[in-house]
Protein backbone atom coordinates (compact mmCIF):
# COMPACT_ATOMS: atom_id res chain seq x y z
CA MET A 1 0.24 -4.67 -20.39
CA ALA A 2 -2.14 -3.52 -17.65
CA VAL A 3 -0.90 -1.37 -14.79
CA LYS A 4 -1.32 -2.98 -11.38
CA GLU A 5 -3.26 -0.97 -8.79
CA ARG A 6 -3.93 -1.78 -5.14
CA VAL A 7 -5.75 -0.11 -2.24
CA GLY A 8 -4.19 -0.26 1.20
CA LEU A 9 -3.57 1.40 4.54
CA VAL A 10 -0.51 3.51 5.36
CA VAL A 11 1.24 1.92 8.35
CA SER A 12 4.43 4.02 8.44
CA ASP A 13 5.42 7.49 7.21
CA LYS A 14 8.75 7.93 8.99
CA MET A 15 10.89 7.99 5.82
CA GLN A 16 11.30 10.93 3.48
CA LYS A 17 9.18 10.63 0.30
CA THR A 18 8.36 7.02 1.20
CA VAL A 19 5.45 5.38 3.02
CA VAL A 20 4.81 1.76 3.90
CA VAL A 21 1.41 0.50 2.76
CA ALA A 22 -0.16 -2.72 4.08
CA ILE A 23 -2.51 -4.56 1.75
CA GLU A 24 -4.76 -7.34 3.04
CA ASN A 25 -5.75 -10.33 0.94
CA ARG A 26 -8.65 -12.39 2.29
CA ALA A 27 -9.02 -15.83 0.73
CA PRO A 28 -10.42 -19.17 1.87
CA HIS A 29 -7.94 -21.84 2.94
CA LEU A 30 -7.71 -24.47 0.22
CA LYS A 31 -8.33 -27.45 2.51
CA TYR A 32 -10.33 -26.10 5.44
CA GLY A 33 -12.28 -23.25 3.86
CA LYS A 34 -11.67 -20.78 6.70
CA ILE A 35 -11.04 -17.20 5.56
CA VAL A 36 -7.32 -16.46 6.00
CA VAL A 37 -5.95 -12.91 6.02
CA GLN A 38 -2.57 -12.40 4.39
CA THR A 39 -0.91 -8.98 4.74
CA ARG A 40 1.71 -7.72 2.31
CA ARG A 41 3.70 -4.54 2.95
CA TYR A 42 4.94 -2.36 0.10
CA LYS A 43 7.31 0.62 0.19
CA VAL A 44 5.60 3.32 -1.85
CA HIS A 45 6.89 6.61 -3.27
CA ASP A 46 5.10 9.70 -1.93
CA GLU A 47 6.60 12.73 -3.65
CA GLU A 48 4.99 15.50 -1.55
CA ASN A 49 5.00 13.67 1.83
CA THR A 50 1.21 14.11 2.04
CA CYS A 51 0.31 10.64 3.33
CA LYS A 52 0.04 10.08 7.07
CA THR A 53 -0.29 6.90 9.12
CA GLY A 54 -3.85 5.58 8.95
CA ASP A 55 -4.70 6.98 5.50
CA ARG A 56 -6.31 4.71 2.90
CA VAL A 57 -4.47 5.15 -0.41
CA ARG A 58 -4.49 3.81 -3.97
CA ILE A 59 -1.06 2.78 -5.24
CA GLN A 60 0.17 2.00 -8.74
CA GLU A 61 3.10 -0.06 -9.97
CA THR A 62 5.94 1.93 -11.55
CA ARG A 63 9.54 1.55 -12.64
CA PRO A 64 12.06 0.70 -9.92
CA LEU A 65 12.74 3.86 -7.92
CA SER A 66 15.17 2.28 -5.44
CA LYS A 67 16.21 -1.15 -4.22
CA THR A 68 12.80 -1.83 -2.62
CA LYS A 69 10.42 0.82 -4.08
CA ARG A 70 8.37 -0.20 -7.13
CA TRP A 71 5.05 1.54 -6.31
CA GLN A 72 3.82 5.14 -6.14
CA VAL A 73 0.81 6.80 -4.51
CA THR A 74 -1.80 7.84 -7.08
CA GLU A 75 -4.47 9.19 -4.72
CA ILE A 76 -5.46 9.42 -1.08
CA LEU A 77 -8.93 7.91 -0.76
CA ASN A 78 -9.66 9.01 2.81
CA THR A 79 -7.57 10.39 5.62
CA LYS A 80 -7.39 9.37 9.23
CA ALA A 81 -9.78 11.42 11.35
CA THR A 82 -7.91 13.19 14.13
């Protein structure tokens, strides 16, 4: 079975070893054809606390780590310029 991977933006890093990643899905509306943006937020495991708010990260599905965490950070694609 293939491992699911997503690319998203870190929107919160206030928890220990956990970040919240928002992933946008842009798809046309079935009836009207307008592009609709749907945002899904995932709680993601970040072992070293390296991710900061605004970073673009690649996440990968993993075994359940807690009640709501099923994803882990595999790499930081680019960081927020400060």
